[in-house]
């Protein structure tokens, strides 16, 4: 595969990851509204994803074999990805979800700063795209005036962003797992995440099947497991390896854009001038970064 082909595939995978992860509200909101606890939702999305991907890998006769050193790093990656979800949902207890989304979208900045610490310097076009997408997400997600904001919620949302940023950098930079396929990388991440959430459920004494009563609930769990979980993680890993974690993180702008469009088109949420401006800025920033690669 030529450099140009890798770049095109990397950008396509990054956009796919952002859009697929942005489908969370489409499947998750009906479940949460129906009384499914957050921890149960997270456990099932990871567990079902792991089963589906594991069966697909077995059907294709792909290897599951890793050595001890590789497994330790895969466990760390799974914990980082799971921690990002936990920190995000815990932040909702203290600040509005829109504000949490804004702070979570600091992760491109964290990625860029970590890469600078590793002596990998993003181009000025990437820095400009990061700044513009953050401005766009602020317009998309900033809460109404008078909203109560607790400092702990901001810290938790920032921790979610940092966990995700470290995950992206390790996937891109680690030589220990360089030869491991995106399928295997994602499978072990899902398994570790499912185990972590099950343990969290047991400690928290949350009823695992609470709120899961109808066929529609089961279908929503499967949709949540396939699109914003399995497909998102596969394409994130692919994009990160092909174009690097910084550019992949900028393409994550499609996540809040997709989520807000789903809220407007499916759930009848209002579409304000701020939201439209934020969408335009995010898309323009991403297009600028892509086109600057020629």
Foldseek 3Di string as FASTA:
>chain_A
DDLVVLLVLLLVLLLQLLLLLLCCCVLPVVLVVLPADPLLLQLLLLVLLLVVLVVVCVVVVHDLDDDPVVLVVLLLLLVLLLLLSVLLVVLVVFFPNLVLQLLLLCLLVLLQVVVVVVVRHDDVLLVVLSVLLSLLSCLQRPDDPPGGGDPSSSVSSNSSSNSVSVSLQCLAPPPSCVVPALSSSLSSSSVSSSVVSVVVCVVVVPDNCPSVDDPSSVVSSSSSNPGSRNSSSSSSSSSCNRPHSSLSSLSSSSNSLSNVVCCCPPVVDDDDPSNVVSNVSSVVSNVSVSVVVD
